[in-house]
Amino acid sequence: MLTLSNLYKTFNPGTINEKTVLNGLNLELNPSDFVTIIGGNGAGKSTMLNMIAGVHIPDEGSITLDGVDITKLKEYKRAKYLGRVFQDPMLGTAADMEIEENLAMAYRRGKTRGLGWGITKAEKEQYVELLKSLDLGLETRLTSKVGLLSGGQRQALTLLMATLKNPKLLLLDEHTAALDPKTARKVLELTELIIAKNSLTALMVTHNMKDAIQFGNRLIMMHEGKIIYDVAGEEKKNLKVSDLLARFESASGGEFANDRMMLA
């Protein structure tokens, strides 16, 4: 479903702030893979997701999605193939618009706009059923402004919007990091449920190693712009946090005392 081949990316080349973020990155995802991604600060995790989404263009290498080379495809042209949920719950929704209006925008992603009625009765009924699956009481608040929702409610709604059209690839960039532990757990469980129900292919960046082990069928660890560990199946299920710590300590030389991954 996704192939990243020999990706390189350097920001501010030739300046005092030059920083190589991706350094020959290679990754292949099969359909329905749910991959969790861990790594230290500056390992290249978010840059990799941004590159897949089209925010950054690689200096070298290629990106193939479902057999199509999208390496230089504009960001807006990739939108119909990708779903994305950001760390900040405020980024995925339009605060001044109603819940049903946000869902309607997501429903029309990649479609040509016409002059027909905005939201049909059948659509509203569909949105009610989808919101019921979140178990957050939002199905009775279709006309509420999204800006009135809590961070957890907004993030759950964003997740629903990102997966409404069954994207070829779902990108989750620390999408529970800004939530309290109880709400984060709820959103993670919803994430797992939606991915499994729709057989989605997904990449989830997280700083929580317990979550990285518990969720998904595969785990990769990044360091200095490369993948240094890739584990799946039963081997992944049997991992312990101490195993990941030991591997990360070996790769980084033990210099991670203040790393967010260790503090999560």
C-alpha atoms as a PDB file:
ATOM      1  CA  MET A   1       0.000   0.000   0.000  1.00  0.00           C
ATOM      2  CA  LEU A   2       2.909   2.356   0.734  1.00  0.00           C
ATOM      3  CA  THR A   3       6.557   2.293  -0.289  1.00  0.00           C
ATOM      4  CA  LEU A   4       9.123   4.847   0.877  1.00  0.00           C
ATOM      5  CA  SER A   5      12.376   4.390  -1.039  1.00  0.00           C
ATOM      6  CA  ASN A   6      15.668   5.937   0.059  1.00  0.00           C
ATOM      7  CA  LEU A   7      14.170   9.207   1.318  1.00  0.00           C
ATOM      8  CA  TYR A   8      16.484  12.092   2.220  1.00  0.00           C
ATOM      9  CA  LYS A   9      15.527  15.490   3.593  1.00  0.00           C
ATOM     10  CA  THR A  10      17.755  18.301   4.855  1.00  0.00           C
ATOM     11  CA  PHE A  11      16.336  21.576   6.139  1.00  0.00           C
ATOM     12  CA  ASN A  12      18.256  24.870   5.770  1.00  0.00           C
ATOM     13  CA  PRO A  13      21.068  23.318   3.673  1.00  0.00           C
ATOM     14  CA  GLY A  14      24.310  25.251   3.534  1.00  0.00           C
ATOM     15  CA  THR A  15      23.498  27.315   6.641  1.00  0.00           C
ATOM     16  CA  ILE A  16      24.478  27.167  10.292  1.00  0.00           C
ATOM     17  CA  ASN A  17      21.030  25.674  10.959  1.00  0.00           C
ATOM     18  CA  GLU A  18      21.440  22.808   8.498  1.00  0.00           C
ATOM     19  CA  LYS A  19      19.671  19.696   9.778  1.00  0.00           C
ATOM     20  CA  THR A  20      19.380  16.311   8.057  1.00  0.00           C
ATOM     21  CA  VAL A  21      16.067  14.859   9.223  1.00  0.00           C
ATOM     22  CA  LEU A  22      15.619  11.861   6.914  1.00  0.00           C
ATOM     23  CA  ASN A  23      18.731   9.929   5.992  1.00  0.00           C
ATOM     24  CA  GLY A  24      18.019   7.148   3.502  1.00  0.00           C
ATOM     25  CA  LEU A  25      14.647   6.106   4.931  1.00  0.00           C
ATOM     26  CA  ASN A  26      13.057   2.923   3.571  1.00  0.00           C
ATOM     27  CA  LEU A  27       9.671   1.496   4.547  1.00  0.00           C
ATOM     28  CA  GLU A  28       7.038  -0.790   3.020  1.00  0.00           C
ATOM     29  CA  LEU A  29       3.468  -1.148   4.296  1.00  0.00           C
ATOM     30  CA  ASN A  30       1.078  -3.911   3.318  1.00  0.00           C
ATOM     31  CA  PRO A  31      -2.678  -3.279   3.042  1.00  0.00           C
ATOM     32  CA  SER A  32      -4.329  -3.153   6.518  1.00  0.00           C
ATOM     33  CA  ASP A  33      -0.996  -2.708   8.332  1.00  0.00           C
ATOM     34  CA  PHE A  34      -1.436  -0.647  11.513  1.00  0.00           C
ATOM     35  CA  VAL A  35       2.091   0.536  12.314  1.00  0.00           C
ATOM     36  CA  THR A  36       3.088   2.392  15.461  1.00  0.00           C
ATOM     37  CA  ILE A  37       6.182   4.610  15.251  1.00  0.00           C
ATOM     38  CA  ILE A  38       8.447   5.568  18.145  1.00  0.00           C
ATOM     39  CA  GLY A  39      11.762   7.368  18.374  1.00  0.00           C
ATOM     40  CA  GLY A  40      13.549  10.189  20.121  1.00  0.00           C
ATOM     41  CA  ASN A  41      13.073  13.893  19.552  1.00  0.00           C
ATOM     42  CA  GLY A  42      14.229  14.816  16.048  1.00  0.00           C
ATOM     43  CA  ALA A  43      14.258  11.217  14.825  1.00  0.00           C
ATOM     44  CA  GLY A  44      12.257  12.202  11.730  1.00  0.00           C
ATOM     45  CA  LYS A  45       8.850  10.737  12.656  1.00  0.00           C
ATOM     46  CA  SER A  46       6.681  13.780  11.933  1.00  0.00           C
ATOM     47  CA  THR A  47       8.808  14.747   8.935  1.00  0.00           C
ATOM     48  CA  MET A  48       8.129  11.324   7.442  1.00  0.00           C
ATOM     49  CA  LEU A  49       4.362  11.822   7.862  1.00  0.00           C
ATOM     50  CA  ASN A  50       4.595  15.359   6.448  1.00  0.00           C
ATOM     51  CA  MET A  51       6.466  14.027   3.447  1.00  0.00           C
ATOM     52  CA  ILE A  52       3.832  11.360   2.798  1.00  0.00           C
ATOM     53  CA  ALA A  53       1.138  14.059   3.097  1.00  0.00           C
ATOM     54  CA  GLY A  54       2.955  16.353   0.674  1.00  0.00           C
ATOM     55  CA  VAL A  55       3.872  19.114   3.132  1.00  0.00           C
ATOM     56  CA  HIS A  56       7.549  18.529   2.278  1.00  0.00           C
ATOM     57  CA  ILE A  57       9.085  17.197  -0.943  1.00  0.00           C
ATOM     58  CA  PRO A  58      12.070  14.844  -0.484  1.00  0.00           C
ATOM     59  CA  ASP A  59      15.529  15.904  -1.632  1.00  0.00           C
ATOM     60  CA  GLU A  60      16.022  12.354  -2.902  1.00  0.00           C
ATOM     61  CA  GLY A  61      13.977   9.163  -3.037  1.00  0.00           C
ATOM     62  CA  SER A  62      10.397   8.269  -3.940  1.00  0.00           C
ATOM     63  CA  ILE A  63       6.970   7.715  -2.353  1.00  0.00           C
ATOM     64  CA  THR A  64       4.549   5.226  -3.898  1.00  0.00           C
ATOM     65  CA  LEU A  65       0.959   4.908  -2.648  1.00  0.00           C
ATOM     66  CA  ASP A  66      -1.069   1.928  -3.856  1.00  0.00           C
ATOM     67  CA  GLY A  67       1.108   1.613  -6.952  1.00  0.00           C
ATOM     68  CA  VAL A  68       1.074   5.329  -7.846  1.00  0.00           C
ATOM     69  CA  ASP A  69       4.175   7.537  -7.553  1.00  0.00           C
ATOM     70  CA  ILE A  70       3.071  10.554  -5.474  1.00  0.00           C
ATOM     71  CA  THR A  71       6.563  11.892  -4.699  1.00  0.00           C
ATOM     72  CA  LYS A  72       5.947  15.297  -6.290  1.00  0.00           C
ATOM     73  CA  LEU A  73       2.154  15.384  -6.167  1.00  0.00           C
ATOM     74  CA  LYS A  74       0.764  18.590  -4.634  1.00  0.00           C
ATOM     75  CA  GLU A  75      -0.523  18.336  -1.062  1.00  0.00           C
ATOM     76  CA  TYR A  76      -4.138  19.168  -1.955  1.00  0.00           C
ATOM     77  CA  LYS A  77      -4.151  16.492  -4.667  1.00  0.00           C
ATOM     78  CA  ARG A  78      -3.157  13.831  -2.122  1.00  0.00           C
ATOM     79  CA  ALA A  79      -5.980  14.780   0.234  1.00  0.00           C
ATOM     80  CA  LYS A  80      -8.501  12.409  -1.348  1.00  0.00           C
ATOM     81  CA  TYR A  81      -6.145   9.456  -0.742  1.00  0.00           C
ATOM     82  CA  LEU A  82      -5.120  10.305   2.821  1.00  0.00           C
ATOM     83  CA  GLY A  83      -6.746  10.818   6.204  1.00  0.00           C
ATOM     84  CA  ARG A  84      -4.816  12.701   8.874  1.00  0.00           C
ATOM     85  CA  VAL A  85      -5.236  13.524  12.557  1.00  0.00           C
ATOM     86  CA  PHE A  86      -2.837  15.997  14.184  1.00  0.00           C
ATOM     87  CA  GLN A  87      -1.610  16.380  17.765  1.00  0.00           C
ATOM     88  CA  ASP A  88      -3.589  19.609  18.249  1.00  0.00           C
ATOM     89  CA  PRO A  89      -7.356  18.850  18.450  1.00  0.00           C
ATOM     90  CA  MET A  90      -8.025  22.327  17.023  1.00  0.00           C
ATOM     91  CA  LEU A  91      -6.357  21.608  13.674  1.00  0.00           C
ATOM     92  CA  GLY A  92      -8.672  18.959  12.282  1.00  0.00           C
ATOM     93  CA  THR A  93     -12.012  20.779  12.475  1.00  0.00           C
ATOM     94  CA  ALA A  94     -13.571  24.161  11.682  1.00  0.00           C
ATOM     95  CA  ALA A  95     -14.526  25.638  15.076  1.00  0.00           C
ATOM     96  CA  ASP A  96     -17.122  28.120  13.793  1.00  0.00           C
ATOM     97  CA  MET A  97     -19.013  25.488  11.808  1.00  0.00           C
ATOM     98  CA  GLU A  98     -21.555  22.964  13.071  1.00  0.00           C
ATOM     99  CA  ILE A  99     -20.760  19.282  13.631  1.00  0.00           C
ATOM    100  CA  GLU A 100     -22.849  18.236  10.626  1.00  0.00           C
ATOM    101  CA  GLU A 101     -21.151  20.874   8.450  1.00  0.00           C
ATOM    102  CA  ASN A 102     -17.708  19.557   9.396  1.00  0.00           C
ATOM    103  CA  LEU A 103     -18.797  16.019   8.557  1.00  0.00           C
ATOM    104  CA  ALA A 104     -20.271  17.215   5.260  1.00  0.00           C
ATOM    105  CA  MET A 105     -16.932  18.778   4.270  1.00  0.00           C
ATOM    106  CA  ALA A 106     -15.134  15.526   5.051  1.00  0.00           C
ATOM    107  CA  TYR A 107     -17.773  13.544   3.127  1.00  0.00           C
ATOM    108  CA  ARG A 108     -17.136  15.669   0.025  1.00  0.00           C
ATOM    109  CA  ARG A 109     -13.350  15.424   0.112  1.00  0.00           C
ATOM    110  CA  GLY A 110     -12.046  14.883  -3.417  1.00  0.00           C
ATOM    111  CA  LYS A 111     -15.455  15.439  -5.019  1.00  0.00           C
ATOM    112  CA  THR A 112     -16.472  18.187  -7.447  1.00  0.00           C
ATOM    113  CA  ARG A 113     -18.700  20.763  -5.759  1.00  0.00           C
ATOM    114  CA  GLY A 114     -22.124  21.454  -7.288  1.00  0.00           C
ATOM    115  CA  LEU A 115     -25.148  23.658  -6.644  1.00  0.00           C
ATOM    116  CA  GLY A 116     -27.343  21.033  -4.960  1.00  0.00           C
ATOM    117  CA  TRP A 117     -28.670  21.170  -1.405  1.00  0.00           C
ATOM    118  CA  GLY A 118     -25.894  21.288   1.168  1.00  0.00           C
ATOM    119  CA  ILE A 119     -26.777  18.388   3.475  1.00  0.00           C
ATOM    120  CA  THR A 120     -29.526  15.919   2.608  1.00  0.00           C
ATOM    121  CA  LYS A 121     -31.814  14.180   5.078  1.00  0.00           C
ATOM    122  CA  ALA A 122     -30.184  10.839   4.258  1.00  0.00           C
ATOM    123  CA  GLU A 123     -26.769  12.329   5.018  1.00  0.00           C
ATOM    124  CA  LYS A 124     -27.938  13.591   8.400  1.00  0.00           C
ATOM    125  CA  GLU A 125     -29.219  10.131   9.272  1.00  0.00           C
ATOM    126  CA  GLN A 126     -25.851   8.678   8.286  1.00  0.00           C
ATOM    127  CA  TYR A 127     -24.007  11.212  10.445  1.00  0.00           C
ATOM    128  CA  VAL A 128     -26.206  10.386  13.448  1.00  0.00           C
ATOM    129  CA  GLU A 129     -25.325   6.692  13.150  1.00  0.00           C
ATOM    130  CA  LEU A 130     -21.621   7.460  12.770  1.00  0.00           C
ATOM    131  CA  LEU A 131     -21.611   9.763  15.801  1.00  0.00           C
ATOM    132  CA  LYS A 132     -23.411   7.139  17.877  1.00  0.00           C
ATOM    133  CA  SER A 133     -20.402   4.860  17.353  1.00  0.00           C
ATOM    134  CA  LEU A 134     -18.247   7.386  19.247  1.00  0.00           C
ATOM    135  CA  ASP A 135     -20.442   7.007  22.341  1.00  0.00           C
ATOM    136  CA  LEU A 136     -19.897  10.664  23.268  1.00  0.00           C
ATOM    137  CA  GLY A 137     -23.477  11.930  22.912  1.00  0.00           C
ATOM    138  CA  LEU A 138     -22.644  13.956  19.806  1.00  0.00           C
ATOM    139  CA  GLU A 139     -25.414  12.366  17.745  1.00  0.00           C
ATOM    140  CA  THR A 140     -27.921  14.720  19.444  1.00  0.00           C
ATOM    141  CA  ARG A 141     -25.771  17.807  18.791  1.00  0.00           C
ATOM    142  CA  LEU A 142     -25.508  17.921  14.989  1.00  0.00           C
ATOM    143  CA  THR A 143     -26.084  21.678  14.892  1.00  0.00           C
ATOM    144  CA  SER A 144     -23.698  22.522  17.757  1.00  0.00           C
ATOM    145  CA  LYS A 145     -20.627  24.566  16.870  1.00  0.00           C
ATOM    146  CA  VAL A 146     -17.496  22.414  17.019  1.00  0.00           C
ATOM    147  CA  GLY A 147     -15.719  25.136  19.001  1.00  0.00           C
ATOM    148  CA  LEU A 148     -17.974  24.301  21.960  1.00  0.00           C
ATOM    149  CA  LEU A 149     -16.719  20.706  22.172  1.00  0.00           C
ATOM    150  CA  SER A 150     -14.001  19.460  24.513  1.00  0.00           C
ATOM    151  CA  GLY A 151     -10.561  18.564  23.163  1.00  0.00           C
ATOM    152  CA  GLY A 152     -11.347  14.840  23.335  1.00  0.00           C
ATOM    153  CA  GLN A 153     -14.678  15.266  21.558  1.00  0.00           C
ATOM    154  CA  ARG A 154     -13.030  17.313  18.813  1.00  0.00           C
ATOM    155  CA  GLN A 155     -10.263  14.770  18.350  1.00  0.00           C
ATOM    156  CA  ALA A 156     -12.788  11.922  18.138  1.00  0.00           C
ATOM    157  CA  LEU A 157     -14.753  13.933  15.568  1.00  0.00           C
ATOM    158  CA  THR A 158     -11.555  14.635  13.618  1.00  0.00           C
ATOM    159  CA  LEU A 159     -10.790  10.905  13.596  1.00  0.00           C
ATOM    160  CA  LEU A 160     -14.274  10.208  12.250  1.00  0.00           C
ATOM    161  CA  MET A 161     -13.844  12.881   9.559  1.00  0.00           C
ATOM    162  CA  ALA A 162     -10.408  11.574   8.556  1.00  0.00           C
ATOM    163  CA  THR A 163     -11.770   8.049   8.018  1.00  0.00           C
ATOM    164  CA  LEU A 164     -15.216   8.916   6.609  1.00  0.00           C
ATOM    165  CA  LYS A 165     -14.199   8.153   3.009  1.00  0.00           C
ATOM    166  CA  ASN A 166     -11.988   5.133   3.812  1.00  0.00           C
ATOM    167  CA  PRO A 167      -8.617   6.675   2.863  1.00  0.00           C
ATOM    168  CA  LYS A 168      -5.890   4.542   1.359  1.00  0.00           C
ATOM    169  CA  LEU A 169      -3.668   5.602   4.259  1.00  0.00           C
ATOM    170  CA  LEU A 170      -4.417   7.086   7.696  1.00  0.00           C
ATOM    171  CA  LEU A 171      -1.723   9.280   9.292  1.00  0.00           C
ATOM    172  CA  LEU A 172      -1.896   9.802  13.060  1.00  0.00           C
ATOM    173  CA  ASP A 173       0.703  12.248  14.389  1.00  0.00           C
ATOM    174  CA  GLU A 174       0.677  11.927  18.193  1.00  0.00           C
ATOM    175  CA  HIS A 175      -3.079  12.447  18.022  1.00  0.00           C
ATOM    176  CA  THR A 176      -3.633  11.748  21.740  1.00  0.00           C
ATOM    177  CA  ALA A 177      -0.636  13.653  23.153  1.00  0.00           C
ATOM    178  CA  ALA A 178      -2.657  16.776  24.040  1.00  0.00           C
ATOM    179  CA  LEU A 179      -5.411  14.838  25.833  1.00  0.00           C
ATOM    180  CA  ASP A 180      -5.717  13.746  29.449  1.00  0.00           C
ATOM    181  CA  PRO A 181      -4.952  10.024  30.048  1.00  0.00           C
ATOM    182  CA  LYS A 182      -8.593   8.896  30.280  1.00  0.00           C
ATOM    183  CA  THR A 183      -9.645  10.744  27.119  1.00  0.00           C
ATOM    184  CA  ALA A 184      -6.500   9.619  25.298  1.00  0.00           C
ATOM    185  CA  ARG A 185      -7.353   6.003  26.080  1.00  0.00           C
ATOM    186  CA  LYS A 186     -10.881   6.494  24.705  1.00  0.00           C
ATOM    187  CA  VAL A 187      -9.593   8.043  21.472  1.00  0.00           C
ATOM    188  CA  LEU A 188      -7.002   5.262  21.050  1.00  0.00           C
ATOM    189  CA  GLU A 189      -9.667   2.596  21.480  1.00  0.00           C
ATOM    190  CA  LEU A 190     -11.850   4.380  18.918  1.00  0.00           C
ATOM    191  CA  THR A 191      -8.847   4.549  16.591  1.00  0.00           C
ATOM    192  CA  GLU A 192      -8.250   0.819  16.843  1.00  0.00           C
ATOM    193  CA  LEU A 193     -11.957   0.088  16.325  1.00  0.00           C
ATOM    194  CA  ILE A 194     -12.289   2.295  13.226  1.00  0.00           C
ATOM    195  CA  ILE A 195      -9.083   0.970  11.646  1.00  0.00           C
ATOM    196  CA  ALA A 196     -10.143  -2.648  12.194  1.00  0.00           C
ATOM    197  CA  LYS A 197     -13.747  -2.101  11.055  1.00  0.00           C
ATOM    198  CA  ASN A 198     -12.691  -0.457   7.788  1.00  0.00           C
ATOM    199  CA  SER A 199      -9.489  -2.501   7.215  1.00  0.00           C
ATOM    200  CA  LEU A 200      -7.476   0.713   6.961  1.00  0.00           C
ATOM    201  CA  THR A 201      -3.719   1.013   6.526  1.00  0.00           C
ATOM    202  CA  ALA A 202      -2.358   3.350   9.213  1.00  0.00           C
ATOM    203  CA  LEU A 203       0.805   4.958  10.581  1.00  0.00           C
ATOM    204  CA  MET A 204       0.631   6.203  14.187  1.00  0.00           C
ATOM    205  CA  VAL A 205       3.418   8.269  15.743  1.00  0.00           C
ATOM    206  CA  THR A 206       3.460   8.085  19.530  1.00  0.00           C
ATOM    207  CA  HIS A 207       5.819   8.881  22.407  1.00  0.00           C
ATOM    208  CA  ASN A 208       4.091   6.367  24.666  1.00  0.00           C
ATOM    209  CA  MET A 209       5.910   3.050  24.374  1.00  0.00           C
ATOM    210  CA  LYS A 210       3.146   1.101  26.130  1.00  0.00           C
ATOM    211  CA  ASP A 211       0.670   2.332  23.503  1.00  0.00           C
ATOM    212  CA  ALA A 212       3.133   1.517  20.728  1.00  0.00           C
ATOM    213  CA  ILE A 213       3.308  -2.074  21.964  1.00  0.00           C
ATOM    214  CA  GLN A 214      -0.419  -2.484  22.682  1.00  0.00           C
ATOM    215  CA  PHE A 215      -1.851  -1.039  19.478  1.00  0.00           C
ATOM    216  CA  GLY A 216      -1.252  -2.087  15.889  1.00  0.00           C
ATOM    217  CA  ASN A 217       0.237  -5.192  14.313  1.00  0.00           C
ATOM    218  CA  ARG A 218       3.698  -3.729  13.725  1.00  0.00           C
ATOM    219  CA  LEU A 219       6.116  -1.352  15.464  1.00  0.00           C
ATOM    220  CA  ILE A 220       9.045   0.591  14.054  1.00  0.00           C
ATOM    221  CA  MET A 221      11.654   2.642  15.879  1.00  0.00           C
ATOM    222  CA  MET A 222      13.358   5.599  14.198  1.00  0.00           C
ATOM    223  CA  HIS A 223      16.677   7.224  15.022  1.00  0.00           C
ATOM    224  CA  GLU A 224      18.527   9.951  13.092  1.00  0.00           C
ATOM    225  CA  GLY A 225      16.231   9.709  10.079  1.00  0.00           C
ATOM    226  CA  LYS A 226      16.333   5.934   9.670  1.00  0.00           C
ATOM    227  CA  ILE A 227      14.391   2.906  10.864  1.00  0.00           C
ATOM    228  CA  ILE A 228      16.566   0.984  13.303  1.00  0.00           C
ATOM    229  CA  TYR A 229      14.012  -1.563  14.504  1.00  0.00           C
ATOM    230  CA  ASP A 230      10.998  -3.171  12.805  1.00  0.00           C
ATOM    231  CA  VAL A 231       8.956  -5.820  14.607  1.00  0.00           C
ATOM    232  CA  ALA A 232       5.555  -7.414  13.975  1.00  0.00           C
ATOM    233  CA  GLY A 233       3.212 -10.228  14.953  1.00  0.00           C
ATOM    234  CA  GLU A 234       3.843 -12.350  18.037  1.00  0.00           C
ATOM    235  CA  GLU A 235       7.287 -10.841  18.578  1.00  0.00           C
ATOM    236  CA  LYS A 236       5.698  -7.402  18.906  1.00  0.00           C
ATOM    237  CA  LYS A 237       2.989  -8.669  21.275  1.00  0.00           C
ATOM    238  CA  ASN A 238       5.644 -10.120  23.577  1.00  0.00           C
ATOM    239  CA  LEU A 239       7.688  -6.902  23.769  1.00  0.00           C
ATOM    240  CA  LYS A 240       8.181  -5.056  27.035  1.00  0.00           C
ATOM    241  CA  VAL A 241       8.964  -1.377  27.498  1.00  0.00           C
ATOM    242  CA  SER A 242      12.346  -2.388  28.893  1.00  0.00           C
ATOM    243  CA  ASP A 243      13.148  -4.106  25.564  1.00  0.00           C
ATOM    244  CA  LEU A 244      12.462  -0.884  23.664  1.00  0.00           C
ATOM    245  CA  LEU A 245      14.418   1.190  26.175  1.00  0.00           C
ATOM    246  CA  ALA A 246      17.441  -1.098  25.823  1.00  0.00           C
ATOM    247  CA  ARG A 247      17.320  -0.949  22.032  1.00  0.00           C
ATOM    248  CA  PHE A 248      16.903   2.829  22.015  1.00  0.00           C
ATOM    249  CA  GLU A 249      19.698   3.271  24.545  1.00  0.00           C
ATOM    250  CA  SER A 250      21.999   1.171  22.377  1.00  0.00           C
ATOM    251  CA  ALA A 251      21.185   3.192  19.252  1.00  0.00           C
ATOM    252  CA  SER A 252      21.351   6.636  20.852  1.00  0.00           C
ATOM    253  CA  GLY A 253      24.312   6.081  23.124  1.00  0.00           C
ATOM    254  CA  GLY A 254      22.124   6.469  26.199  1.00  0.00           C
ATOM    255  CA  GLU A 255      21.614  10.210  25.789  1.00  0.00           C
ATOM    256  CA  PHE A 256      17.865  10.376  26.248  1.00  0.00           C
ATOM    257  CA  ALA A 257      17.282  11.438  29.841  1.00  0.00           C
ATOM    258  CA  ASN A 258      15.152  14.414  28.787  1.00  0.00           C
ATOM    259  CA  ASP A 259      13.522  12.834  25.769  1.00  0.00           C
ATOM    260  CA  ARG A 260       9.725  13.034  25.657  1.00  0.00           C
ATOM    261  CA  MET A 261       9.555   9.382  24.659  1.00  0.00           C
ATOM    262  CA  MET A 262      11.122   8.450  27.972  1.00  0.00           C
ATOM    263  CA  LEU A 263       8.931  10.799  29.983  1.00  0.00           C
ATOM    264  CA  ALA A 264       5.631   9.654  28.423  1.00  0.00           C
END
